[in-house]
Amino acid sequence: MLVTQNESFFEGKTVLLTGGTGSFGNKFTEIILNEYNPKSLRVYSRGEYNQYLMAQKFKDERIRFLIGDIRDRTRLYRAMNGVDIVVHAAALKQVPACEYNPIEAVRTNIDGAVNVIDAAIDNSVEKVVAISTDKAVHPVNLYGATKMVAEKLFVQGNTYTGKRKTRFSCVRYGNVIGSRGSVIPLFEEQKKKGTLTITDERMTRFWLTLDQGVNFVLNSIVRMHGGETFVPKIPRMRIMDLAEAIAPEAKTEIVGIRPGEKLHEIMITEDEARNAKEFSDYFVIEPEFPFWDKEKHVSGKSLPDGYRYSSDINDKWLTKEELKRMC
């Protein structure tokens, strides 16, 4: 939840959400319409059927559904006219699909990011937040590599604004429970046959709910000055604990780590930590470049030399009971 003094920030604002019909988009729409009072929410996505389903679900006159692709520069310019805030969630996200269709992944995740940046600046959008992923850190697959480039583009997008008011920041977090491609639906299906496939029993992951992810994005929009990458403090889980929480009676079969998959995930590297500040429930990675005003997050605590925020190093592991409740 946003703190009380920030609740009025979205009141009367026009918000554009790219990729708005996915898991994140549905939860974002629910929360911002029910708990805040935007003037309008523009849901921008490619799929007319998914937009139809959302329209039936929410039935709110503040929602505007816009068919469009972030590759379509002209359509984005029209969609952002009169917009105050952009939340950029559209991307090709499935690792195997990106590996098999690399040019398409680049055109959507990188070229699409450039289009969002240009359209936001030229339409004088106030704030733009791009949703990123832990896979952008030390990327080992094409999806992660495209998201790493997208992060750099949005951070450096602030140098293109000149005297305009537009500011760009990123939010980076880990695996979201219940999102498309989550391991939970796979385990639930495999449970029916009595055997769960595990790539590596040592595997760990960051873990958060859709509600947590959306509220962190909303908080980051309010906090941002432009140029930051916000990283939440969230618990981690062991894949074997998750398997037992979902299907305690099932057998497990170790199938080997997949191409482009990591054993553990990192959200802040040792090099990034030199330019990061720690707060009670999140971190801010500051740009290294001269345009950044170092006084903007002066209240944060500097991180120790060599610090790394990784899913295998933690003082908060989710227990099997907690995983059961979250799933």
C-alpha atoms as a PDB file:
ATOM      1  CA  MET A   1       0.000   0.000   0.000  1.00  0.00           C
ATOM      2  CA  LEU A   2       1.102   3.569  -0.609  1.00  0.00           C
ATOM      3  CA  VAL A   3       1.500   5.698   2.467  1.00  0.00           C
ATOM      4  CA  THR A   4      -1.279   8.172   3.202  1.00  0.00           C
ATOM      5  CA  GLN A   5       0.505  11.334   2.058  1.00  0.00           C
ATOM      6  CA  ASN A   6       1.097   9.785  -1.377  1.00  0.00           C
ATOM      7  CA  GLU A   7      -2.441   8.541  -2.000  1.00  0.00           C
ATOM      8  CA  SER A   8      -3.427  11.791  -3.729  1.00  0.00           C
ATOM      9  CA  PHE A   9      -0.527  11.608  -6.196  1.00  0.00           C
ATOM     10  CA  PHE A  10      -2.526   9.674  -8.808  1.00  0.00           C
ATOM     11  CA  GLU A  11      -5.767  11.569  -8.277  1.00  0.00           C
ATOM     12  CA  GLY A  12      -6.907  13.252 -11.480  1.00  0.00           C
ATOM     13  CA  LYS A  13      -3.946  11.863 -13.464  1.00  0.00           C
ATOM     14  CA  THR A  14      -4.107  10.078 -16.812  1.00  0.00           C
ATOM     15  CA  VAL A  15      -2.069   6.865 -16.716  1.00  0.00           C
ATOM     16  CA  LEU A  16      -0.984   4.739 -19.693  1.00  0.00           C
ATOM     17  CA  LEU A  17      -0.139   1.083 -19.082  1.00  0.00           C
ATOM     18  CA  THR A  18       1.634  -0.772 -21.895  1.00  0.00           C
ATOM     19  CA  GLY A  19       1.187  -4.529 -21.959  1.00  0.00           C
ATOM     20  CA  GLY A  20      -1.845  -3.868 -19.829  1.00  0.00           C
ATOM     21  CA  THR A  21      -3.765  -7.122 -20.300  1.00  0.00           C
ATOM     22  CA  GLY A  22      -1.218  -9.435 -18.665  1.00  0.00           C
ATOM     23  CA  SER A  23      -1.099 -10.638 -15.050  1.00  0.00           C
ATOM     24  CA  PHE A  24       0.611  -7.464 -13.866  1.00  0.00           C
ATOM     25  CA  GLY A  25      -1.726  -5.267 -15.910  1.00  0.00           C
ATOM     26  CA  ASN A  26      -4.874  -6.825 -14.475  1.00  0.00           C
ATOM     27  CA  LYS A  27      -3.679  -6.441 -10.896  1.00  0.00           C
ATOM     28  CA  PHE A  28      -2.376  -2.904 -11.534  1.00  0.00           C
ATOM     29  CA  THR A  29      -5.752  -1.933 -12.995  1.00  0.00           C
ATOM     30  CA  GLU A  30      -7.607  -3.400 -10.023  1.00  0.00           C
ATOM     31  CA  ILE A  31      -5.475  -1.597  -7.436  1.00  0.00           C
ATOM     32  CA  ILE A  32      -5.171   1.828  -9.053  1.00  0.00           C
ATOM     33  CA  LEU A  33      -8.902   2.035  -9.830  1.00  0.00           C
ATOM     34  CA  ASN A  34     -10.089   0.697  -6.471  1.00  0.00           C
ATOM     35  CA  GLU A  35      -7.645   2.435  -4.140  1.00  0.00           C
ATOM     36  CA  TYR A  36      -6.614   5.631  -5.984  1.00  0.00           C
ATOM     37  CA  ASN A  37      -8.557   7.975  -8.180  1.00  0.00           C
ATOM     38  CA  PRO A  38      -6.944   8.498 -11.590  1.00  0.00           C
ATOM     39  CA  LYS A  39      -8.795  10.531 -14.151  1.00  0.00           C
ATOM     40  CA  SER A  40      -8.344   7.703 -16.641  1.00  0.00           C
ATOM     41  CA  LEU A  41      -6.318   4.557 -17.242  1.00  0.00           C
ATOM     42  CA  ARG A  42      -5.324   3.764 -20.825  1.00  0.00           C
ATOM     43  CA  VAL A  43      -4.631   0.071 -21.357  1.00  0.00           C
ATOM     44  CA  TYR A  44      -2.372  -0.293 -24.401  1.00  0.00           C
ATOM     45  CA  SER A  45      -1.855  -3.789 -25.808  1.00  0.00           C
ATOM     46  CA  ARG A  46      -2.054  -5.893 -28.973  1.00  0.00           C
ATOM     47  CA  GLY A  47      -4.827  -8.347 -28.107  1.00  0.00           C
ATOM     48  CA  GLU A  48      -8.431  -7.268 -28.634  1.00  0.00           C
ATOM     49  CA  TYR A  49      -9.841 -10.394 -26.958  1.00  0.00           C
ATOM     50  CA  ASN A  50      -7.844  -9.871 -23.762  1.00  0.00           C
ATOM     51  CA  GLN A  51      -8.994  -6.262 -23.739  1.00  0.00           C
ATOM     52  CA  TYR A  52     -12.573  -7.477 -24.106  1.00  0.00           C
ATOM     53  CA  LEU A  53     -12.112  -9.780 -21.097  1.00  0.00           C
ATOM     54  CA  MET A  54     -10.718  -6.911 -19.039  1.00  0.00           C
ATOM     55  CA  ALA A  55     -13.602  -4.664 -20.032  1.00  0.00           C
ATOM     56  CA  GLN A  56     -16.065  -7.327 -18.856  1.00  0.00           C
ATOM     57  CA  LYS A  57     -14.135  -7.790 -15.625  1.00  0.00           C
ATOM     58  CA  PHE A  58     -13.782  -4.153 -14.551  1.00  0.00           C
ATOM     59  CA  LYS A  59     -16.703  -2.282 -16.171  1.00  0.00           C
ATOM     60  CA  ASP A  60     -15.188   1.062 -15.205  1.00  0.00           C
ATOM     61  CA  GLU A  61     -15.746   4.161 -17.326  1.00  0.00           C
ATOM     62  CA  ARG A  62     -12.266   5.442 -16.437  1.00  0.00           C
ATOM     63  CA  ILE A  63     -10.602   2.694 -18.516  1.00  0.00           C
ATOM     64  CA  ARG A  64      -9.742   3.316 -22.153  1.00  0.00           C
ATOM     65  CA  PHE A  65      -8.616   0.313 -24.212  1.00  0.00           C
ATOM     66  CA  LEU A  66      -6.172   1.085 -27.011  1.00  0.00           C
ATOM     67  CA  ILE A  67      -5.111  -1.558 -29.533  1.00  0.00           C
ATOM     68  CA  GLY A  68      -1.460  -1.040 -30.364  1.00  0.00           C
ATOM     69  CA  ASP A  69       2.056  -2.463 -30.403  1.00  0.00           C
ATOM     70  CA  ILE A  70       5.019  -0.722 -28.783  1.00  0.00           C
ATOM     71  CA  ARG A  71       6.842  -1.328 -32.075  1.00  0.00           C
ATOM     72  CA  ASP A  72       4.353   1.107 -33.661  1.00  0.00           C
ATOM     73  CA  ARG A  73       5.881   4.506 -33.011  1.00  0.00           C
ATOM     74  CA  THR A  74       3.014   6.484 -34.552  1.00  0.00           C
ATOM     75  CA  ARG A  75       0.366   4.688 -32.493  1.00  0.00           C
ATOM     76  CA  LEU A  76       2.350   5.226 -29.280  1.00  0.00           C
ATOM     77  CA  TYR A  77       2.588   8.953 -29.980  1.00  0.00           C
ATOM     78  CA  ARG A  78      -1.194   9.138 -30.325  1.00  0.00           C
ATOM     79  CA  ALA A  79      -1.774   6.974 -27.236  1.00  0.00           C
ATOM     80  CA  MET A  80       0.445   9.178 -25.028  1.00  0.00           C
ATOM     81  CA  ASN A  81      -1.193  12.456 -25.955  1.00  0.00           C
ATOM     82  CA  GLY A  82      -2.360  14.052 -22.695  1.00  0.00           C
ATOM     83  CA  VAL A  83      -0.846  11.311 -20.498  1.00  0.00           C
ATOM     84  CA  ASP A  84       0.764  12.163 -17.140  1.00  0.00           C
ATOM     85  CA  ILE A  85       2.274   8.795 -16.148  1.00  0.00           C
ATOM     86  CA  VAL A  86       3.415   5.787 -18.188  1.00  0.00           C
ATOM     87  CA  VAL A  87       3.980   2.317 -16.742  1.00  0.00           C
ATOM     88  CA  HIS A  88       5.826   0.279 -19.346  1.00  0.00           C
ATOM     89  CA  ALA A  89       5.165  -3.432 -18.817  1.00  0.00           C
ATOM     90  CA  ALA A  90       4.948  -4.653 -22.429  1.00  0.00           C
ATOM     91  CA  ALA A  91       7.658  -7.123 -23.434  1.00  0.00           C
ATOM     92  CA  LEU A  92       8.367 -10.515 -24.922  1.00  0.00           C
ATOM     93  CA  LYS A  93       9.113 -12.410 -21.704  1.00  0.00           C
ATOM     94  CA  GLN A  94       9.269 -16.144 -22.374  1.00  0.00           C
ATOM     95  CA  VAL A  95      12.922 -17.197 -22.406  1.00  0.00           C
ATOM     96  CA  PRO A  96      12.568 -20.039 -24.984  1.00  0.00           C
ATOM     97  CA  ALA A  97      10.475 -17.856 -27.317  1.00  0.00           C
ATOM     98  CA  CYS A  98      13.065 -15.073 -27.187  1.00  0.00           C
ATOM     99  CA  GLU A  99      15.875 -17.536 -27.893  1.00  0.00           C
ATOM    100  CA  TYR A 100      14.029 -18.948 -30.922  1.00  0.00           C
ATOM    101  CA  ASN A 101      12.888 -15.522 -32.172  1.00  0.00           C
ATOM    102  CA  PRO A 102      15.832 -13.278 -31.245  1.00  0.00           C
ATOM    103  CA  ILE A 103      15.174 -10.493 -33.749  1.00  0.00           C
ATOM    104  CA  GLU A 104      11.563 -10.240 -32.622  1.00  0.00           C
ATOM    105  CA  ALA A 105      12.715 -10.013 -28.984  1.00  0.00           C
ATOM    106  CA  VAL A 106      15.064  -7.158 -29.885  1.00  0.00           C
ATOM    107  CA  ARG A 107      12.395  -5.343 -31.880  1.00  0.00           C
ATOM    108  CA  THR A 108       9.908  -5.481 -29.011  1.00  0.00           C
ATOM    109  CA  ASN A 109      12.066  -5.210 -25.902  1.00  0.00           C
ATOM    110  CA  ILE A 110      14.711  -2.787 -27.199  1.00  0.00           C
ATOM    111  CA  ASP A 111      13.263  -0.946 -30.202  1.00  0.00           C
ATOM    112  CA  GLY A 112       9.922  -0.781 -28.385  1.00  0.00           C
ATOM    113  CA  ALA A 113      11.639   0.800 -25.384  1.00  0.00           C
ATOM    114  CA  VAL A 114      13.120   3.493 -27.645  1.00  0.00           C
ATOM    115  CA  ASN A 115       9.650   4.233 -29.013  1.00  0.00           C
ATOM    116  CA  VAL A 116       8.212   4.560 -25.502  1.00  0.00           C
ATOM    117  CA  ILE A 117      11.012   6.948 -24.516  1.00  0.00           C
ATOM    118  CA  ASP A 118      10.645   9.147 -27.600  1.00  0.00           C
ATOM    119  CA  ALA A 119       6.849   9.257 -27.404  1.00  0.00           C
ATOM    120  CA  ALA A 120       6.935  10.136 -23.691  1.00  0.00           C
ATOM    121  CA  ILE A 121       9.409  12.991 -24.161  1.00  0.00           C
ATOM    122  CA  ASP A 122       7.624  14.487 -27.162  1.00  0.00           C
ATOM    123  CA  ASN A 123       4.241  14.294 -25.381  1.00  0.00           C
ATOM    124  CA  SER A 124       5.643  15.840 -22.165  1.00  0.00           C
ATOM    125  CA  VAL A 125       4.692  12.860 -20.012  1.00  0.00           C
ATOM    126  CA  GLU A 126       5.626  13.603 -16.406  1.00  0.00           C
ATOM    127  CA  LYS A 127       6.901  10.217 -15.195  1.00  0.00           C
ATOM    128  CA  VAL A 128       7.731   6.923 -16.900  1.00  0.00           C
ATOM    129  CA  VAL A 129       8.532   3.715 -15.042  1.00  0.00           C
ATOM    130  CA  ALA A 130       9.773   0.637 -16.903  1.00  0.00           C
ATOM    131  CA  ILE A 131       9.225  -2.800 -15.372  1.00  0.00           C
ATOM    132  CA  SER A 132      12.429  -4.834 -15.429  1.00  0.00           C
ATOM    133  CA  THR A 133      13.553  -8.188 -14.087  1.00  0.00           C
ATOM    134  CA  ASP A 134      16.362  -9.829 -12.148  1.00  0.00           C
ATOM    135  CA  LYS A 135      17.202 -11.604 -15.414  1.00  0.00           C
ATOM    136  CA  ALA A 136      18.606  -8.279 -16.654  1.00  0.00           C
ATOM    137  CA  VAL A 137      21.453  -8.670 -14.131  1.00  0.00           C
ATOM    138  CA  HIS A 138      24.426 -10.636 -15.494  1.00  0.00           C
ATOM    139  CA  PRO A 139      22.123 -11.903 -18.288  1.00  0.00           C
ATOM    140  CA  VAL A 140      22.633 -15.447 -19.533  1.00  0.00           C
ATOM    141  CA  ASN A 141      19.778 -15.476 -22.048  1.00  0.00           C
ATOM    142  CA  LEU A 142      18.522 -13.135 -24.751  1.00  0.00           C
ATOM    143  CA  TYR A 143      15.477 -12.050 -22.764  1.00  0.00           C
ATOM    144  CA  GLY A 144      17.715 -10.905 -19.909  1.00  0.00           C
ATOM    145  CA  ALA A 145      20.078  -9.193 -22.335  1.00  0.00           C
ATOM    146  CA  THR A 146      17.260  -7.216 -23.973  1.00  0.00           C
ATOM    147  CA  LYS A 147      15.942  -6.140 -20.579  1.00  0.00           C
ATOM    148  CA  MET A 148      19.432  -5.054 -19.527  1.00  0.00           C
ATOM    149  CA  VAL A 149      19.635  -2.847 -22.624  1.00  0.00           C
ATOM    150  CA  ALA A 150      16.129  -1.531 -21.959  1.00  0.00           C
ATOM    151  CA  GLU A 151      17.142  -0.555 -18.411  1.00  0.00           C
ATOM    152  CA  LYS A 152      20.126   1.379 -19.757  1.00  0.00           C
ATOM    153  CA  LEU A 153      17.923   3.103 -22.320  1.00  0.00           C
ATOM    154  CA  PHE A 154      15.387   4.253 -19.735  1.00  0.00           C
ATOM    155  CA  VAL A 155      18.019   5.468 -17.265  1.00  0.00           C
ATOM    156  CA  GLN A 156      19.884   7.376 -19.960  1.00  0.00           C
ATOM    157  CA  GLY A 157      16.596   8.583 -21.430  1.00  0.00           C
ATOM    158  CA  ASN A 158      16.787  11.339 -18.820  1.00  0.00           C
ATOM    159  CA  THR A 159      19.679  12.895 -20.734  1.00  0.00           C
ATOM    160  CA  TYR A 160      17.434  13.354 -23.794  1.00  0.00           C
ATOM    161  CA  THR A 161      14.698  15.340 -22.065  1.00  0.00           C
ATOM    162  CA  GLY A 162      16.524  18.683 -22.002  1.00  0.00           C
ATOM    163  CA  LYS A 163      14.249  21.283 -20.432  1.00  0.00           C
ATOM    164  CA  ARG A 164      11.187  19.060 -20.748  1.00  0.00           C
ATOM    165  CA  LYS A 165       9.645  17.653 -17.561  1.00  0.00           C
ATOM    166  CA  THR A 166       9.714  13.961 -18.511  1.00  0.00           C
ATOM    167  CA  ARG A 167      11.625  11.661 -16.134  1.00  0.00           C
ATOM    168  CA  PHE A 168      12.421   7.955 -16.490  1.00  0.00           C
ATOM    169  CA  SER A 169      13.139   5.270 -13.882  1.00  0.00           C
ATOM    170  CA  CYS A 170      13.109   1.466 -13.658  1.00  0.00           C
ATOM    171  CA  VAL A 171      11.703  -1.058 -11.223  1.00  0.00           C
ATOM    172  CA  ARG A 172      13.529  -4.381 -11.026  1.00  0.00           C
ATOM    173  CA  TYR A 173      12.156  -7.380  -9.149  1.00  0.00           C
ATOM    174  CA  GLY A 174      12.057 -11.184  -9.181  1.00  0.00           C
ATOM    175  CA  ASN A 175       9.579 -13.962  -9.845  1.00  0.00           C
ATOM    176  CA  VAL A 176       5.921 -13.095  -9.388  1.00  0.00           C
ATOM    177  CA  ILE A 177       3.545 -15.700  -8.007  1.00  0.00           C
ATOM    178  CA  GLY A 178       0.758 -16.490 -10.427  1.00  0.00           C
ATOM    179  CA  SER A 179       2.194 -14.585 -13.393  1.00  0.00           C
ATOM    180  CA  ARG A 180       2.238 -16.096 -16.858  1.00  0.00           C
ATOM    181  CA  GLY A 181       5.000 -18.681 -17.140  1.00  0.00           C
ATOM    182  CA  SER A 182       5.220 -19.171 -13.380  1.00  0.00           C
ATOM    183  CA  VAL A 183       6.412 -22.568 -12.150  1.00  0.00           C
ATOM    184  CA  ILE A 184       3.340 -22.933  -9.923  1.00  0.00           C
ATOM    185  CA  PRO A 185       0.862 -23.815 -12.707  1.00  0.00           C
ATOM    186  CA  LEU A 186       3.411 -26.337 -14.017  1.00  0.00           C
ATOM    187  CA  PHE A 187       3.752 -27.998 -10.606  1.00  0.00           C
ATOM    188  CA  GLU A 188      -0.032 -28.000 -10.134  1.00  0.00           C
ATOM    189  CA  GLU A 189      -0.463 -29.809 -13.441  1.00  0.00           C
ATOM    190  CA  GLN A 190       2.385 -32.251 -12.772  1.00  0.00           C
ATOM    191  CA  LYS A 191       0.965 -33.000  -9.316  1.00  0.00           C
ATOM    192  CA  LYS A 192      -1.931 -34.821 -10.996  1.00  0.00           C
ATOM    193  CA  LYS A 193       0.549 -37.352 -12.395  1.00  0.00           C
ATOM    194  CA  GLY A 194       2.511 -37.651  -9.151  1.00  0.00           C
ATOM    195  CA  THR A 195       5.922 -36.425 -10.358  1.00  0.00           C
ATOM    196  CA  LEU A 196       7.344 -32.891 -10.388  1.00  0.00           C
ATOM    197  CA  THR A 197      10.278 -32.030 -12.671  1.00  0.00           C
ATOM    198  CA  ILE A 198      13.065 -30.074 -10.955  1.00  0.00           C
ATOM    199  CA  THR A 199      15.881 -28.594 -13.000  1.00  0.00           C
ATOM    200  CA  ASP A 200      18.323 -28.423 -10.064  1.00  0.00           C
ATOM    201  CA  GLU A 201      17.575 -29.070  -6.405  1.00  0.00           C
ATOM    202  CA  ARG A 202      19.945 -26.269  -5.304  1.00  0.00           C
ATOM    203  CA  MET A 203      17.977 -23.592  -7.168  1.00  0.00           C
ATOM    204  CA  THR A 204      16.770 -20.477  -5.328  1.00  0.00           C
ATOM    205  CA  ARG A 205      14.570 -17.588  -6.446  1.00  0.00           C
ATOM    206  CA  PHE A 206      13.284 -14.221  -5.286  1.00  0.00           C
ATOM    207  CA  TRP A 207       9.538 -14.440  -4.698  1.00  0.00           C
ATOM    208  CA  LEU A 208       6.754 -11.884  -4.421  1.00  0.00           C
ATOM    209  CA  THR A 209       3.021 -11.608  -5.002  1.00  0.00           C
ATOM    210  CA  LEU A 210       1.322  -9.579  -7.724  1.00  0.00           C
ATOM    211  CA  ASP A 211      -0.046  -7.224  -5.056  1.00  0.00           C
ATOM    212  CA  GLN A 212       3.461  -6.616  -3.732  1.00  0.00           C
ATOM    213  CA  GLY A 213       4.814  -6.004  -7.218  1.00  0.00           C
ATOM    214  CA  VAL A 214       2.087  -3.530  -8.172  1.00  0.00           C
ATOM    215  CA  ASN A 215       2.276  -1.603  -4.917  1.00  0.00           C
ATOM    216  CA  PHE A 216       6.050  -1.375  -5.201  1.00  0.00           C
ATOM    217  CA  VAL A 217       5.684   0.094  -8.692  1.00  0.00           C
ATOM    218  CA  LEU A 218       3.139   2.636  -7.434  1.00  0.00           C
ATOM    219  CA  ASN A 219       5.425   3.632  -4.571  1.00  0.00           C
ATOM    220  CA  SER A 220       8.380   3.954  -6.941  1.00  0.00           C
ATOM    221  CA  ILE A 221       6.440   6.289  -9.242  1.00  0.00           C
ATOM    222  CA  VAL A 222       5.828   8.616  -6.312  1.00  0.00           C
ATOM    223  CA  ARG A 223       9.432   8.417  -5.051  1.00  0.00           C
ATOM    224  CA  MET A 224      11.277   8.694  -8.359  1.00  0.00           C
ATOM    225  CA  HIS A 225      13.239  11.741  -9.479  1.00  0.00           C
ATOM    226  CA  GLY A 226      14.450  10.149 -12.729  1.00  0.00           C
ATOM    227  CA  GLY A 227      17.386   7.816 -13.370  1.00  0.00           C
ATOM    228  CA  GLU A 228      16.921   5.420 -10.462  1.00  0.00           C
ATOM    229  CA  THR A 229      16.455   1.674 -10.550  1.00  0.00           C
ATOM    230  CA  PHE A 230      14.271   0.603  -7.627  1.00  0.00           C
ATOM    231  CA  VAL A 231      14.734  -2.877  -6.154  1.00  0.00           C
ATOM    232  CA  PRO A 232      12.402  -4.221  -3.427  1.00  0.00           C
ATOM    233  CA  LYS A 233      13.561  -6.189  -0.414  1.00  0.00           C
ATOM    234  CA  ILE A 234      11.707  -9.455  -0.840  1.00  0.00           C
ATOM    235  CA  PRO A 235      12.107 -12.976   0.554  1.00  0.00           C
ATOM    236  CA  ARG A 236      13.648 -15.881  -1.286  1.00  0.00           C
ATOM    237  CA  MET A 237      12.574 -19.472  -1.652  1.00  0.00           C
ATOM    238  CA  ARG A 238      14.205 -22.803  -2.374  1.00  0.00           C
ATOM    239  CA  ILE A 239      12.711 -24.688  -5.309  1.00  0.00           C
ATOM    240  CA  MET A 240      12.568 -27.921  -3.302  1.00  0.00           C
ATOM    241  CA  ASP A 241      10.572 -26.183  -0.562  1.00  0.00           C
ATOM    242  CA  LEU A 242       8.118 -24.907  -3.166  1.00  0.00           C
ATOM    243  CA  ALA A 243       7.722 -28.388  -4.652  1.00  0.00           C
ATOM    244  CA  GLU A 244       6.972 -29.866  -1.236  1.00  0.00           C
ATOM    245  CA  ALA A 245       4.559 -27.038  -0.381  1.00  0.00           C
ATOM    246  CA  ILE A 246       2.540 -27.639  -3.564  1.00  0.00           C
ATOM    247  CA  ALA A 247       2.715 -31.429  -3.777  1.00  0.00           C
ATOM    248  CA  PRO A 248       4.139 -33.023  -0.606  1.00  0.00           C
ATOM    249  CA  GLU A 249       3.176 -36.543  -1.734  1.00  0.00           C
ATOM    250  CA  ALA A 250       4.639 -36.244  -5.231  1.00  0.00           C
ATOM    251  CA  LYS A 251       7.971 -37.606  -6.375  1.00  0.00           C
ATOM    252  CA  THR A 252      10.592 -35.284  -7.859  1.00  0.00           C
ATOM    253  CA  GLU A 253      12.660 -35.884 -10.976  1.00  0.00           C
ATOM    254  CA  ILE A 254      15.868 -33.886 -11.545  1.00  0.00           C
ATOM    255  CA  VAL A 255      15.986 -33.012 -15.254  1.00  0.00           C
ATOM    256  CA  GLY A 256      18.967 -30.650 -15.373  1.00  0.00           C
ATOM    257  CA  ILE A 257      19.230 -26.896 -15.658  1.00  0.00           C
ATOM    258  CA  ARG A 258      17.728 -25.502 -18.860  1.00  0.00           C
ATOM    259  CA  PRO A 259      19.576 -23.351 -21.415  1.00  0.00           C
ATOM    260  CA  GLY A 260      19.576 -19.727 -20.305  1.00  0.00           C
ATOM    261  CA  GLU A 261      18.599 -20.552 -16.728  1.00  0.00           C
ATOM    262  CA  LYS A 262      20.475 -19.509 -13.589  1.00  0.00           C
ATOM    263  CA  LEU A 263      21.031 -21.485 -10.409  1.00  0.00           C
ATOM    264  CA  HIS A 264      20.552 -18.349  -8.294  1.00  0.00           C
ATOM    265  CA  GLU A 265      19.312 -14.894  -9.233  1.00  0.00           C
ATOM    266  CA  ILE A 266      20.942 -11.544  -8.526  1.00  0.00           C
ATOM    267  CA  MET A 267      19.129  -8.235  -8.231  1.00  0.00           C
ATOM    268  CA  ILE A 268      22.073  -5.998  -7.306  1.00  0.00           C
ATOM    269  CA  THR A 269      25.652  -6.774  -8.348  1.00  0.00           C
ATOM    270  CA  GLU A 270      28.771  -5.830  -6.395  1.00  0.00           C
ATOM    271  CA  ASP A 271      29.484  -3.103  -8.945  1.00  0.00           C
ATOM    272  CA  GLU A 272      25.969  -1.675  -8.778  1.00  0.00           C
ATOM    273  CA  ALA A 273      26.100  -1.719  -4.975  1.00  0.00           C
ATOM    274  CA  ARG A 274      28.743   1.022  -5.025  1.00  0.00           C
ATOM    275  CA  ASN A 275      26.086   3.366  -6.401  1.00  0.00           C
ATOM    276  CA  ALA A 276      23.130   2.034  -4.408  1.00  0.00           C
ATOM    277  CA  LYS A 277      21.343   3.229  -1.272  1.00  0.00           C
ATOM    278  CA  GLU A 278      19.485   1.028   1.186  1.00  0.00           C
ATOM    279  CA  PHE A 279      16.152   1.900   2.766  1.00  0.00           C
ATOM    280  CA  SER A 280      13.942  -0.048   5.146  1.00  0.00           C
ATOM    281  CA  ASP A 281      12.146  -2.070   2.475  1.00  0.00           C
ATOM    282  CA  TYR A 282      13.904  -1.304  -0.804  1.00  0.00           C
ATOM    283  CA  PHE A 283      17.147  -0.277  -2.531  1.00  0.00           C
ATOM    284  CA  VAL A 284      17.796   2.509  -5.030  1.00  0.00           C
ATOM    285  CA  ILE A 285      20.534   2.059  -7.630  1.00  0.00           C
ATOM    286  CA  GLU A 286      21.687   5.508  -8.673  1.00  0.00           C
ATOM    287  CA  PRO A 287      23.180   6.316 -12.091  1.00  0.00           C
ATOM    288  CA  GLU A 288      26.933   6.730 -12.210  1.00  0.00           C
ATOM    289  CA  PHE A 289      26.820   9.615 -14.625  1.00  0.00           C
ATOM    290  CA  PRO A 290      27.171  13.396 -14.120  1.00  0.00           C
ATOM    291  CA  PHE A 291      23.506  14.248 -14.775  1.00  0.00           C
ATOM    292  CA  TRP A 292      22.486  12.544 -11.516  1.00  0.00           C
ATOM    293  CA  ASP A 293      22.017  14.714  -8.440  1.00  0.00           C
ATOM    294  CA  LYS A 294      23.558  12.734  -5.579  1.00  0.00           C
ATOM    295  CA  GLU A 295      21.470  14.630  -3.043  1.00  0.00           C
ATOM    296  CA  LYS A 296      18.193  13.158  -4.262  1.00  0.00           C
ATOM    297  CA  HIS A 297      18.343  10.055  -2.065  1.00  0.00           C
ATOM    298  CA  VAL A 298      20.645  11.366   0.624  1.00  0.00           C
ATOM    299  CA  SER A 299      18.698   9.677   3.438  1.00  0.00           C
ATOM    300  CA  GLY A 300      19.516   6.171   2.215  1.00  0.00           C
ATOM    301  CA  LYS A 301      22.321   4.086   3.690  1.00  0.00           C
ATOM    302  CA  SER A 302      25.351   3.251   1.561  1.00  0.00           C
ATOM    303  CA  LEU A 303      26.010  -0.459   1.053  1.00  0.00           C
ATOM    304  CA  PRO A 304      29.224  -2.151   2.256  1.00  0.00           C
ATOM    305  CA  ASP A 305      32.003  -2.872  -0.204  1.00  0.00           C
ATOM    306  CA  GLY A 306      31.421  -6.135  -2.062  1.00  0.00           C
ATOM    307  CA  TYR A 307      27.705  -6.281  -1.235  1.00  0.00           C
ATOM    308  CA  ARG A 308      25.593  -8.467  -3.526  1.00  0.00           C
ATOM    309  CA  TYR A 309      21.815  -8.910  -3.380  1.00  0.00           C
ATOM    310  CA  SER A 310      21.359 -12.498  -4.480  1.00  0.00           C
ATOM    311  CA  SER A 311      18.736 -15.201  -3.939  1.00  0.00           C
ATOM    312  CA  ASP A 312      21.232 -17.586  -2.351  1.00  0.00           C
ATOM    313  CA  ILE A 313      22.331 -15.090   0.345  1.00  0.00           C
ATOM    314  CA  ASN A 314      19.527 -14.139   2.675  1.00  0.00           C
ATOM    315  CA  ASP A 315      18.255 -13.690   6.199  1.00  0.00           C
ATOM    316  CA  LYS A 316      14.642 -14.294   5.147  1.00  0.00           C
ATOM    317  CA  TRP A 317      13.732 -17.624   3.571  1.00  0.00           C
ATOM    318  CA  LEU A 318      10.093 -18.416   2.968  1.00  0.00           C
ATOM    319  CA  THR A 319       9.031 -21.485   4.926  1.00  0.00           C
ATOM    320  CA  LYS A 320       6.957 -24.271   3.389  1.00  0.00           C
ATOM    321  CA  GLU A 321       3.943 -23.025   5.356  1.00  0.00           C
ATOM    322  CA  GLU A 322       4.416 -19.468   4.037  1.00  0.00           C
ATOM    323  CA  LEU A 323       4.763 -20.788   0.492  1.00  0.00           C
ATOM    324  CA  LYS A 324       1.520 -22.743   0.862  1.00  0.00           C
ATOM    325  CA  ARG A 325      -0.310 -19.582   1.926  1.00  0.00           C
ATOM    326  CA  MET A 326       1.166 -17.519  -0.893  1.00  0.00           C
ATOM    327  CA  CYS A 327       0.411 -20.109  -3.567  1.00  0.00           C
END
